Protein backbone atom coordinates (compact mmCIF):
# COMPACT_ATOMS: atom_id res chain seq x y z
CA MET A 1 0.37 0.38 -0.08
CA THR A 2 0.92 3.43 -0.88
CA THR A 3 0.67 6.85 0.34
CA THR A 4 0.84 10.00 -1.88
CA GLY A 5 -1.02 13.36 -2.03
CA THR A 6 -0.97 16.36 -0.35
CA SER A 7 -1.86 17.00 3.34
CA ASN A 8 -5.44 17.69 2.50
CA GLN A 9 -5.69 15.32 -0.04
CA LYS A 10 -4.59 11.45 0.19
CA ARG A 11 -4.14 8.85 -2.36
CA VAL A 12 -4.62 5.13 -1.26
CA ARG A 13 -3.74 2.63 -3.98
CA LEU A 14 -3.82 -0.50 -2.83
CA LYS A 15 -3.30 -3.82 -5.00
CA THR A 16 -5.68 -5.60 -5.98
CA THR A 17 -5.19 -8.42 -4.09
CA GLU A 18 -5.48 -6.28 -0.97
CA LEU A 19 -9.22 -5.07 -1.52
CA PRO A 20 -11.64 -5.03 1.04
CA LYS A 21 -13.90 -8.09 0.12
CA PRO A 22 -17.11 -6.02 -0.04
CA VAL A 23 -15.76 -4.20 -2.85
CA TYR A 24 -15.24 -7.37 -4.76
CA ALA A 25 -19.34 -8.54 -3.82
CA ALA A 26 -19.95 -5.54 -5.05
CA ALA A 27 -18.42 -5.36 -8.57
CA GLY A 28 -19.07 -9.29 -8.79
CA ALA A 29 -23.47 -7.98 -8.08
CA GLY A 30 -22.56 -4.95 -10.58
CA ASP A 31 -21.53 -6.64 -13.71
CA LEU A 32 -24.60 -9.86 -12.93
CA ALA A 33 -26.66 -7.14 -12.94
CA TYR A 34 -25.06 -5.61 -16.60
CA GLN A 35 -25.04 -8.84 -17.47
CA GLN A 36 -28.94 -9.28 -16.98
CA LEU A 37 -30.42 -5.49 -18.27
CA ARG A 38 -28.26 -6.77 -21.64
CA LYS A 39 -30.68 -9.76 -21.90
CA LEU A 40 -33.81 -7.58 -20.91
CA PRO A 41 -34.75 -5.97 -24.59
CA GLU A 42 -34.77 -10.12 -25.47
CA VAL A 43 -36.95 -10.93 -22.76
CA ALA A 44 -39.13 -7.81 -23.33
CA ALA A 45 -40.02 -8.68 -27.16
CA ARG A 46 -40.23 -12.20 -26.79
CA THR A 47 -42.52 -11.19 -23.56
CA ILE A 48 -44.49 -8.55 -25.95
CA ARG A 49 -44.26 -11.41 -28.73
CA THR A 50 -45.95 -14.32 -26.51
CA ALA A 51 -48.77 -11.19 -25.31
CA SER A 52 -49.59 -10.30 -28.54
CA GLU A 53 -50.10 -14.75 -29.54
CA THR A 54 -52.08 -14.82 -26.38
CA ALA A 55 -54.37 -11.49 -27.47
CA ASP A 56 -54.83 -13.02 -30.94
CA GLU A 57 -56.04 -16.21 -29.49
CA LEU A 58 -58.37 -15.06 -27.18
CA ARG A 59 -59.76 -13.16 -29.85
CA GLN A 60 -60.50 -16.32 -32.42
CA ARG A 61 -62.05 -18.22 -29.13
CA LEU A 62 -63.94 -15.08 -28.74
CA ALA A 63 -65.55 -14.89 -32.09
CA ALA A 64 -65.84 -18.49 -31.76
CA GLN A 65 -68.03 -18.53 -28.16
CA GLU A 66 -69.99 -15.10 -29.83
CA GLU A 67 -71.45 -17.20 -32.70
CA THR A 68 -71.99 -20.07 -30.73
CA VAL A 69 -73.95 -17.09 -28.25
CA SER A 70 -75.41 -15.63 -31.22
CA ILE A 71 -77.17 -18.93 -32.63
CA ARG A 72 -78.17 -19.97 -29.05
CA VAL A 73 -80.07 -16.57 -28.01
CA ARG A 74 -81.57 -16.88 -31.75
CA ALA A 75 -82.76 -20.18 -31.18
CA SER A 76 -83.87 -19.56 -27.82
CA ALA A 77 -85.99 -16.59 -28.49
CA GLU A 78 -87.11 -18.78 -31.39
CA ARG A 79 -88.33 -20.81 -28.90
CA GLY A 80 -89.90 -18.12 -26.51
CA ARG A 81 -92.07 -16.94 -29.76
CA SER A 82 -93.07 -20.33 -30.50
CA ARG A 83 -94.63 -20.89 -27.00
CA MET A 84 -96.19 -17.77 -26.88
CA ARG A 85 -97.81 -18.19 -29.83
CA GLU A 86 -99.19 -21.76 -28.73
CA THR A 87 -100.31 -19.94 -25.19
CA ALA A 88 -102.26 -16.92 -27.59
CA LEU A 89 -103.62 -19.80 -29.78
CA ALA A 90 -104.57 -21.38 -26.55
CA ALA A 91 -105.68 -18.89 -24.80
CA GLN A 92 -107.64 -17.49 -27.83
CA GLN A 93 -109.30 -20.94 -28.04
CA ARG A 94 -110.32 -20.66 -24.46
CA ALA A 95 -111.82 -17.15 -25.02
CA VAL A 96 -114.09 -18.18 -28.02
CA ALA A 97 -115.47 -21.23 -26.15
CA SER A 98 -116.38 -19.36 -23.41
CA TYR A 99 -117.67 -16.76 -25.49
CA HIS A 100 -119.92 -19.74 -27.10
CA ASN A 101 -121.13 -21.32 -23.33
CA LEU A 102 -121.90 -17.34 -22.20
CA VAL A 103 -124.03 -17.19 -25.41
CA ALA A 104 -125.78 -20.60 -24.46
CA HIS A 105 -126.48 -20.01 -21.10
CA GLY A 106 -128.11 -16.26 -22.58
CA GLU A 107 -130.03 -18.28 -24.61
CA ARG A 108 -131.23 -20.15 -22.30
CA VAL A 109 -132.01 -17.49 -19.42
CA VAL A 110 -133.97 -15.55 -22.73
CA ALA A 111 -136.28 -18.45 -23.57
CA ASP A 112 -136.61 -19.05 -19.49
CA ARG A 113 -137.85 -15.71 -19.38
CA ALA A 114 -139.85 -15.13 -22.10
CA GLY A 115 -142.02 -18.51 -21.97
CA ALA A 116 -140.57 -20.04 -24.59
CA GLY A 117 -139.93 -23.74 -25.14
CA PRO A 118 -136.06 -25.26 -25.70
CA ASP A 119 -136.85 -25.01 -29.39
CA GLU A 120 -138.60 -21.98 -30.01
CA PRO A 121 -136.90 -18.56 -30.63
CA ALA A 122 -137.88 -16.46 -27.81
CA GLN A 123 -139.16 -12.83 -28.13
CA VAL A 124 -137.72 -9.88 -26.65
CA GLU A 125 -138.40 -6.27 -27.17
CA VAL A 126 -134.94 -4.54 -26.00
CA ILE A 127 -135.63 -0.79 -24.85
CA VAL A 128 -132.39 1.21 -25.36
CA GLY A 129 -132.35 4.28 -23.55
CA PRO A 130 -130.04 7.05 -22.23
CA VAL A 131 -127.29 5.62 -18.99
CA GLN A 132 -128.61 5.69 -15.94
CA SER A 133 -127.25 5.62 -12.26
CA HIS A 134 -127.97 2.34 -10.29
CA ASP A 135 -130.75 4.65 -7.80
CA GLN A 136 -132.08 5.85 -11.38
CA ALA A 137 -132.49 2.71 -12.60
CA ASN A 138 -134.26 1.69 -9.52
CA GLY A 139 -136.31 4.58 -9.00
CA ALA A 140 -139.47 5.48 -11.35
CA SER A 141 -138.55 4.46 -14.45
CA ALA A 142 -137.48 1.40 -13.97
CA ASP A 143 -138.55 -0.30 -16.92
CA ALA A 144 -136.27 1.94 -19.18
CA GLY A 145 -132.73 0.54 -20.77
CA GLN A 146 -133.69 -3.02 -19.88
CA SER A 147 -135.23 -5.92 -21.90
CA ARG A 148 -138.74 -7.16 -21.40
CA PRO A 149 -140.17 -11.07 -23.08
CA THR A 150 -143.02 -9.63 -24.92
CA GLY A 151 -146.18 -11.73 -25.99
CA ALA A 152 -146.63 -15.30 -24.30
């Protein structure tokens, strides 16, 4: 070890075999870090390439599933439409049947009140007038606006 310089400055020269071990450790760590940093552009490029390939694959899978989902949704909508048509048709048929039953019942009621037999047409007079409240209808003009059997 040799010392040179002025009183304010001292320079110490050590032979390489005389350097403290922590200096060698720092130099070794720095060199390893430098070697890893030199590989960084290649690693980054590979990572970007892999990410791009994965994104492309995912886009293709999504497109394939999107078509499948679209087909399923259309099929489900068509099944729903068919069920709605069937339900509406059944409701219409029940309504028509109920109407016919109501007509038949009404014919029997009118025939019974008119005194006609089941196969005879009933003679009914219908008086149409202004609409009255319930109280007015039960008052002085109780017969106005009501059906009355005629002749019997």
